[in-house]
Amino acid sequence: MSNDIFEVWQPISTSYEPPLNLIQITHYPNVEMIIDTNDNHQFKLSYSFHEVLAIRVTPEASRVDLSIPTQNAIQKYLGGSEKGPLTNFLFFKSNKSGFIDWYDTLPTLGSTDIHLEHHIYLMDQIIEIISENEPTVVQIK
């Protein structure tokens, strides 16, 4: 049973049309993702290398465990009613998740002294990042 508590998050303030596709992800010297939208826009999301503590990339179909926490976050965001297509909600974040719990079990690591966020990107692949800060977002196309 998942104890994840997510909230809807909108790191991209510019209007875009889903779905989103991951074009590129790099992890050094900074963690950067280039995301392509259905209406031919591209965005670069950048995290400082030292702020990212863990990254997980999984196929979309394998993560059915995310359906309940994402649906709960969408319902909360919409005030309990469905006012639009649920596919428009592609970004989530959390301070309480199984991924952070896992990170806290690692020897000599853990989040007890720092504020961590679990960022979830729902695209053709699911990207999850544990970071101390939100990414910088730049529209590149």
N, C-alpha and C. Protein backbone atom coordinates (compact mmCIF):
# COMPACT_ATOMS: atom_id res chain seq x y z
N MET A 1 0.84 -1.18 0.00
CA MET A 1 0.00 0.00 0.00
C MET A 1 0.89 1.25 0.00
N SER A 2 0.59 2.15 -0.87
CA SER A 2 1.39 3.35 -1.00
C SER A 2 0.99 4.39 0.05
N ASN A 3 1.98 4.99 0.68
CA ASN A 3 1.74 6.09 1.61
C ASN A 3 2.13 7.42 1.01
N ASP A 4 2.35 7.44 -0.30
CA ASP A 4 2.77 8.66 -0.98
C ASP A 4 1.66 9.71 -0.91
N ILE A 5 2.07 10.93 -0.63
CA ILE A 5 1.15 12.06 -0.67
C ILE A 5 1.74 13.06 -1.66
N PHE A 6 1.08 13.22 -2.80
CA PHE A 6 1.56 14.11 -3.85
C PHE A 6 0.69 15.37 -3.89
N GLU A 7 1.26 16.40 -4.50
CA GLU A 7 0.48 17.59 -4.83
C GLU A 7 0.75 17.93 -6.29
N VAL A 8 -0.27 18.50 -6.94
CA VAL A 8 -0.10 18.95 -8.32
C VAL A 8 0.91 20.08 -8.30
N TRP A 9 1.78 20.08 -9.29
CA TRP A 9 2.88 21.05 -9.36
C TRP A 9 2.98 21.51 -10.80
N GLN A 10 3.19 22.79 -11.03
CA GLN A 10 3.29 23.33 -12.38
C GLN A 10 4.62 24.07 -12.56
N PRO A 11 5.72 23.34 -12.78
CA PRO A 11 7.00 24.02 -12.95
C PRO A 11 7.10 24.79 -14.27
N ILE A 12 6.29 24.40 -15.26
CA ILE A 12 6.27 25.10 -16.55
C ILE A 12 5.08 26.03 -16.54
N SER A 13 5.34 27.33 -16.47
CA SER A 13 4.24 28.30 -16.38
C SER A 13 3.64 28.64 -17.74
N THR A 14 4.36 28.37 -18.81
CA THR A 14 3.88 28.63 -20.16
C THR A 14 2.86 27.57 -20.56
N SER A 15 1.88 27.97 -21.32
CA SER A 15 0.87 27.03 -21.80
C SER A 15 1.52 26.01 -22.74
N TYR A 16 1.11 24.76 -22.61
CA TYR A 16 1.62 23.69 -23.47
C TYR A 16 0.52 22.65 -23.63
N GLU A 17 0.67 21.82 -24.66
CA GLU A 17 -0.31 20.77 -24.90
C GLU A 17 0.31 19.41 -24.65
N PRO A 18 -0.30 18.62 -23.75
CA PRO A 18 0.20 17.27 -23.50
C PRO A 18 -0.07 16.38 -24.71
N PRO A 19 0.55 15.25 -24.82
CA PRO A 19 1.48 14.65 -23.87
C PRO A 19 2.87 15.25 -23.99
N LEU A 20 3.71 14.90 -23.05
CA LEU A 20 5.10 15.33 -23.05
C LEU A 20 6.00 14.15 -23.36
N ASN A 21 7.09 14.44 -24.04
CA ASN A 21 8.07 13.41 -24.37
C ASN A 21 9.44 13.85 -23.89
N LEU A 22 10.14 12.93 -23.27
CA LEU A 22 11.50 13.20 -22.84
C LEU A 22 12.42 13.08 -24.04
N ILE A 23 13.09 14.15 -24.39
CA ILE A 23 14.02 14.16 -25.52
C ILE A 23 15.42 13.79 -25.06
N GLN A 24 15.82 14.33 -23.91
CA GLN A 24 17.18 14.10 -23.43
C GLN A 24 17.23 14.30 -21.93
N ILE A 25 18.06 13.51 -21.28
CA ILE A 25 18.35 13.73 -19.86
C ILE A 25 19.86 13.56 -19.68
N THR A 26 20.46 14.51 -18.99
CA THR A 26 21.89 14.43 -18.68
C THR A 26 22.03 14.59 -17.16
N HIS A 27 23.10 14.04 -16.62
CA HIS A 27 23.27 14.11 -15.18
C HIS A 27 24.58 14.76 -14.75
N TYR A 28 25.38 15.23 -15.70
CA TYR A 28 26.62 15.90 -15.31
C TYR A 28 26.99 16.93 -16.37
N PRO A 29 27.39 18.12 -16.06
CA PRO A 29 27.68 18.64 -14.74
C PRO A 29 26.43 19.02 -13.94
N ASN A 30 25.29 19.22 -14.61
CA ASN A 30 24.02 19.45 -13.93
C ASN A 30 23.03 18.42 -14.41
N VAL A 31 21.97 18.23 -13.67
CA VAL A 31 20.90 17.35 -14.12
C VAL A 31 19.96 18.20 -14.96
N GLU A 32 19.84 17.82 -16.23
CA GLU A 32 19.00 18.58 -17.16
C GLU A 32 18.12 17.63 -17.96
N MET A 33 16.89 18.06 -18.17
CA MET A 33 15.96 17.33 -19.02
C MET A 33 15.45 18.27 -20.09
N ILE A 34 15.38 17.75 -21.30
CA ILE A 34 14.72 18.49 -22.38
C ILE A 34 13.43 17.74 -22.68
N ILE A 35 12.33 18.48 -22.59
CA ILE A 35 11.00 17.92 -22.76
C ILE A 35 10.34 18.56 -23.97
N ASP A 36 9.73 17.74 -24.80
CA ASP A 36 9.03 18.18 -26.00
C ASP A 36 7.53 18.05 -25.75
N THR A 37 6.76 19.06 -26.15
CA THR A 37 5.31 19.02 -25.97
C THR A 37 4.63 18.63 -27.28
N ASN A 38 3.35 18.32 -27.20
CA ASN A 38 2.57 17.93 -28.37
C ASN A 38 2.42 19.08 -29.36
N ASP A 39 2.54 20.32 -28.91
CA ASP A 39 2.43 21.48 -29.79
C ASP A 39 3.80 22.04 -30.18
N ASN A 40 4.82 21.17 -30.19
CA ASN A 40 6.17 21.47 -30.67
C ASN A 40 6.92 22.54 -29.89
N HIS A 41 6.67 22.64 -28.62
CA HIS A 41 7.49 23.47 -27.75
C HIS A 41 8.49 22.57 -27.04
N GLN A 42 9.60 23.13 -26.68
CA GLN A 42 10.59 22.39 -25.89
C GLN A 42 10.99 23.22 -24.68
N PHE A 43 11.16 22.51 -23.58
CA PHE A 43 11.56 23.13 -22.32
C PHE A 43 12.77 22.40 -21.76
N LYS A 44 13.67 23.19 -21.17
CA LYS A 44 14.82 22.59 -20.47
C LYS A 44 14.62 22.84 -18.98
N LEU A 45 14.62 21.76 -18.22
CA LEU A 45 14.53 21.82 -16.77
C LEU A 45 15.90 21.47 -16.22
N SER A 46 16.46 22.36 -15.41
CA SER A 46 17.83 22.18 -14.92
C SER A 46 17.88 22.21 -13.40
N TYR A 47 18.60 21.24 -12.87
CA TYR A 47 18.89 21.17 -11.44
C TYR A 47 20.40 21.27 -11.28
N SER A 48 20.85 22.00 -10.27
CA SER A 48 22.26 21.99 -9.94
C SER A 48 22.64 20.58 -9.51
N PHE A 49 23.77 20.09 -9.98
CA PHE A 49 24.20 18.72 -9.72
C PHE A 49 24.20 18.39 -8.23
N HIS A 50 24.65 19.32 -7.41
CA HIS A 50 24.80 19.05 -5.97
C HIS A 50 23.47 19.07 -5.23
N GLU A 51 22.40 19.57 -5.86
CA GLU A 51 21.08 19.60 -5.23
C GLU A 51 20.31 18.31 -5.45
N VAL A 52 20.71 17.50 -6.45
CA VAL A 52 20.00 16.27 -6.78
C VAL A 52 20.64 15.11 -6.03
N LEU A 53 19.81 14.38 -5.29
CA LEU A 53 20.33 13.29 -4.48
C LEU A 53 19.99 11.93 -5.04
N ALA A 54 18.96 11.84 -5.87
CA ALA A 54 18.60 10.55 -6.49
C ALA A 54 17.71 10.81 -7.70
N ILE A 55 17.86 9.93 -8.70
CA ILE A 55 17.05 9.98 -9.91
C ILE A 55 16.56 8.57 -10.19
N ARG A 56 15.30 8.48 -10.59
CA ARG A 56 14.74 7.18 -10.98
C ARG A 56 13.98 7.38 -12.28
N VAL A 57 14.28 6.52 -13.27
CA VAL A 57 13.62 6.56 -14.57
C VAL A 57 12.98 5.19 -14.80
N THR A 58 11.68 5.18 -15.06
CA THR A 58 10.97 3.92 -15.26
C THR A 58 10.00 4.05 -16.42
N PRO A 59 9.68 2.93 -17.08
CA PRO A 59 8.65 2.97 -18.13
C PRO A 59 7.30 3.34 -17.51
N GLU A 60 6.52 4.09 -18.25
CA GLU A 60 5.23 4.55 -17.75
C GLU A 60 4.33 3.39 -17.32
N ALA A 61 4.28 2.35 -18.11
CA ALA A 61 3.37 1.23 -17.85
C ALA A 61 3.70 0.47 -16.57
N SER A 62 4.92 0.59 -16.09
CA SER A 62 5.32 -0.18 -14.90
C SER A 62 4.97 0.51 -13.58
N ARG A 63 4.44 1.71 -13.63
CA ARG A 63 4.24 2.49 -12.40
C ARG A 63 2.76 2.69 -12.05
N VAL A 64 2.01 1.61 -12.04
CA VAL A 64 0.60 1.69 -11.65
C VAL A 64 0.46 2.14 -10.19
N ASP A 65 1.52 1.99 -9.40
CA ASP A 65 1.49 2.41 -8.00
C ASP A 65 1.34 3.93 -7.85
N LEU A 66 1.58 4.67 -8.92
CA LEU A 66 1.45 6.13 -8.85
C LEU A 66 0.03 6.61 -9.10
N SER A 67 -0.85 5.73 -9.57
CA SER A 67 -2.18 6.17 -9.97
C SER A 67 -2.99 6.73 -8.79
N ILE A 68 -2.97 6.08 -7.64
CA ILE A 68 -3.76 6.57 -6.51
C ILE A 68 -3.23 7.90 -5.98
N PRO A 69 -1.92 8.04 -5.69
CA PRO A 69 -1.47 9.34 -5.18
C PRO A 69 -1.63 10.48 -6.19
N THR A 70 -1.48 10.20 -7.49
CA THR A 70 -1.68 11.27 -8.47
C THR A 70 -3.15 11.63 -8.58
N GLN A 71 -4.04 10.64 -8.58
CA GLN A 71 -5.48 10.94 -8.63
C GLN A 71 -5.92 11.72 -7.40
N ASN A 72 -5.42 11.35 -6.23
CA ASN A 72 -5.75 12.09 -5.01
C ASN A 72 -5.28 13.54 -5.08
N ALA A 73 -4.08 13.75 -5.62
CA ALA A 73 -3.54 15.11 -5.76
C ALA A 73 -4.38 15.94 -6.72
N ILE A 74 -4.81 15.32 -7.82
CA ILE A 74 -5.63 16.04 -8.80
C ILE A 74 -6.98 16.41 -8.20
N GLN A 75 -7.60 15.47 -7.50
CA GLN A 75 -8.89 15.75 -6.86
C GLN A 75 -8.76 16.90 -5.85
N LYS A 76 -7.69 16.90 -5.07
CA LYS A 76 -7.47 17.98 -4.11
C LYS A 76 -7.26 19.30 -4.83
N TYR A 77 -6.48 19.28 -5.89
CA TYR A 77 -6.19 20.49 -6.67
C TYR A 77 -7.47 21.07 -7.28
N LEU A 78 -8.35 20.19 -7.76
CA LEU A 78 -9.59 20.63 -8.40
C LEU A 78 -10.73 20.85 -7.40
N GLY A 79 -10.46 20.69 -6.15
CA GLY A 79 -11.49 20.88 -5.14
C GLY A 79 -12.52 19.77 -5.11
N GLY A 80 -12.13 18.57 -5.50
CA GLY A 80 -13.02 17.42 -5.44
C GLY A 80 -13.83 17.16 -6.68
N SER A 81 -13.69 18.00 -7.71
CA SER A 81 -14.45 17.76 -8.94
C SER A 81 -13.50 17.71 -10.13
N GLU A 82 -13.89 16.95 -11.13
CA GLU A 82 -13.09 16.87 -12.36
C GLU A 82 -13.53 18.00 -13.28
N LYS A 83 -12.67 18.99 -13.47
CA LYS A 83 -13.00 20.14 -14.30
C LYS A 83 -12.31 20.13 -15.65
N GLY A 84 -11.55 19.12 -15.92
CA GLY A 84 -10.82 19.07 -17.17
C GLY A 84 -10.18 17.72 -17.33
N PRO A 85 -9.52 17.51 -18.48
CA PRO A 85 -8.87 16.22 -18.70
C PRO A 85 -7.77 15.97 -17.68
N LEU A 86 -7.78 14.78 -17.12
CA LEU A 86 -6.77 14.45 -16.12
C LEU A 86 -5.38 14.34 -16.73
N THR A 87 -5.30 14.18 -18.06
CA THR A 87 -4.00 14.09 -18.72
C THR A 87 -3.27 15.42 -18.72
N ASN A 88 -3.94 16.51 -18.34
CA ASN A 88 -3.27 17.81 -18.26
C ASN A 88 -2.40 17.94 -17.02
N PHE A 89 -2.50 16.99 -16.11
CA PHE A 89 -1.73 17.03 -14.87
C PHE A 89 -0.57 16.06 -15.00
N LEU A 90 0.62 16.61 -15.24
CA LEU A 90 1.78 15.78 -15.56
C LEU A 90 2.93 15.96 -14.59
N PHE A 91 2.81 16.90 -13.68
CA PHE A 91 3.88 17.19 -12.74
C PHE A 91 3.34 17.13 -11.31
N PHE A 92 4.09 16.46 -10.47
CA PHE A 92 3.70 16.34 -9.07
C PHE A 92 4.95 16.48 -8.21
N LYS A 93 4.74 16.84 -6.95
CA LYS A 93 5.86 16.85 -6.01
C LYS A 93 5.36 16.38 -4.66
N SER A 94 6.30 15.98 -3.82
CA SER A 94 5.94 15.42 -2.52
C SER A 94 7.08 15.61 -1.53
N ASN A 95 6.69 15.79 -0.28
CA ASN A 95 7.66 15.76 0.82
C ASN A 95 7.56 14.45 1.58
N LYS A 96 6.55 13.64 1.24
CA LYS A 96 6.32 12.35 1.90
C LYS A 96 6.07 11.31 0.82
N SER A 97 7.09 10.50 0.55
CA SER A 97 6.94 9.49 -0.49
C SER A 97 7.81 8.28 -0.16
N GLY A 98 7.49 7.19 -0.79
CA GLY A 98 8.29 5.98 -0.65
C GLY A 98 9.71 6.17 -1.16
N PHE A 99 9.87 7.01 -2.18
CA PHE A 99 11.20 7.26 -2.73
C PHE A 99 12.07 7.99 -1.69
N ILE A 100 11.51 8.99 -1.02
CA ILE A 100 12.26 9.68 0.04
C ILE A 100 12.50 8.72 1.21
N ASP A 101 11.51 7.91 1.54
CA ASP A 101 11.71 6.91 2.61
C ASP A 101 12.86 5.97 2.27
N TRP A 102 12.93 5.54 1.02
CA TRP A 102 14.03 4.68 0.58
C TRP A 102 15.36 5.41 0.73
N TYR A 103 15.41 6.67 0.29
CA TYR A 103 16.64 7.45 0.38
C TYR A 103 17.11 7.56 1.83
N ASP A 104 16.15 7.72 2.74
CA ASP A 104 16.49 7.85 4.15
C ASP A 104 17.10 6.59 4.75
N THR A 105 16.92 5.44 4.10
CA THR A 105 17.50 4.19 4.62
C THR A 105 18.95 3.99 4.20
N LEU A 106 19.45 4.81 3.29
CA LEU A 106 20.82 4.64 2.82
C LEU A 106 21.82 5.01 3.92
N PRO A 107 22.87 4.22 4.08
CA PRO A 107 23.86 4.51 5.13
C PRO A 107 24.52 5.88 4.91
N THR A 108 24.66 6.63 5.96
CA THR A 108 25.29 7.95 6.02
C THR A 108 24.55 9.02 5.24
N LEU A 109 23.44 8.68 4.63
CA LEU A 109 22.65 9.68 3.92
C LEU A 109 21.34 9.88 4.67
N GLY A 110 20.43 10.57 4.04
CA GLY A 110 19.13 10.77 4.66
C GLY A 110 18.74 12.23 4.64
N SER A 111 17.49 12.47 4.90
CA SER A 111 16.95 13.82 4.76
C SER A 111 16.59 14.46 6.09
N THR A 112 17.09 13.95 7.19
CA THR A 112 16.67 14.49 8.48
C THR A 112 17.13 15.92 8.70
N ASP A 113 18.23 16.33 8.11
CA ASP A 113 18.75 17.68 8.33
C ASP A 113 18.52 18.64 7.17
N ILE A 114 17.93 18.15 6.09
CA ILE A 114 17.70 19.00 4.92
C ILE A 114 16.27 18.83 4.42
N HIS A 115 15.79 19.83 3.70
CA HIS A 115 14.45 19.77 3.12
C HIS A 115 14.55 19.15 1.73
N LEU A 116 13.92 18.02 1.55
CA LEU A 116 13.93 17.34 0.25
C LEU A 116 12.55 17.35 -0.37
N GLU A 117 12.52 17.38 -1.70
CA GLU A 117 11.28 17.21 -2.45
C GLU A 117 11.47 16.10 -3.46
N HIS A 118 10.42 15.35 -3.64
CA HIS A 118 10.36 14.29 -4.65
C HIS A 118 9.55 14.88 -5.81
N HIS A 119 10.19 15.07 -6.95
CA HIS A 119 9.53 15.61 -8.14
C HIS A 119 9.20 14.46 -9.08
N ILE A 120 7.97 14.44 -9.58
CA ILE A 120 7.49 13.36 -10.43
C ILE A 120 7.06 13.97 -11.76
N TYR A 121 7.63 13.47 -12.84
CA TYR A 121 7.32 13.93 -14.20
C TYR A 121 6.68 12.76 -14.95
N LEU A 122 5.40 12.91 -15.32
CA LEU A 122 4.70 11.86 -16.05
C LEU A 122 4.78 12.16 -17.54
N MET A 123 5.56 11.36 -18.24
CA MET A 123 5.76 11.54 -19.67
C MET A 123 5.71 10.17 -20.31
N ASP A 124 6.36 10.02 -21.47
CA ASP A 124 6.47 8.69 -22.08
C ASP A 124 7.29 7.77 -21.19
N GLN A 125 8.10 8.35 -20.33
CA GLN A 125 8.78 7.65 -19.24
C GLN A 125 8.47 8.45 -17.98
N ILE A 126 8.59 7.81 -16.85
CA ILE A 126 8.38 8.53 -15.60
C ILE A 126 9.74 8.85 -15.00
N ILE A 127 9.96 10.14 -14.79
CA ILE A 127 11.21 10.61 -14.21
C ILE A 127 10.89 11.07 -12.79
N GLU A 128 11.67 10.60 -11.84
CA GLU A 128 11.50 11.02 -10.45
C GLU A 128 12.85 11.50 -9.94
N ILE A 129 12.82 12.65 -9.29
CA ILE A 129 14.04 13.27 -8.80
C ILE A 129 13.84 13.67 -7.35
N ILE A 130 14.79 13.31 -6.51
CA ILE A 130 14.84 13.83 -5.15
C ILE A 130 15.85 14.97 -5.15
N SER A 131 15.38 16.15 -4.77
CA SER A 131 16.22 17.33 -4.84
C SER A 131 15.97 18.24 -3.65
N GLU A 132 16.95 19.09 -3.39
CA GLU A 132 16.80 20.10 -2.35
C GLU A 132 16.05 21.32 -2.87
N ASN A 133 15.98 21.50 -4.20
CA ASN A 133 15.34 22.68 -4.79
C ASN A 133 14.57 22.30 -6.04
N GLU A 134 13.70 23.19 -6.46
CA GLU A 134 12.98 23.01 -7.72
C GLU A 134 13.90 23.36 -8.88
N PRO A 135 13.61 22.83 -10.07
CA PRO A 135 14.47 23.11 -11.21
C PRO A 135 14.24 24.52 -11.77
N THR A 136 15.23 24.98 -12.51
CA THR A 136 15.07 26.17 -13.34
C THR A 136 14.48 25.71 -14.66
N VAL A 137 13.48 26.43 -15.16
CA VAL A 137 12.80 26.04 -16.40
C VAL A 137 12.99 27.14 -17.43
N VAL A 138 13.44 26.74 -18.64
CA VAL A 138 13.63 27.67 -19.74
C VAL A 138 12.97 27.08 -20.98
N GLN A 139 12.16 27.90 -21.65
CA GLN A 139 11.59 27.44 -22.92
C GLN A 139 12.65 27.66 -24.00
N ILE A 140 13.00 26.58 -24.72
CA ILE A 140 14.06 26.68 -25.73
C ILE A 140 13.52 26.60 -27.15
N LYS A 141 12.24 26.33 -27.30
CA LYS A 141 11.65 26.29 -28.65
C LYS A 141 10.17 26.57 -28.53
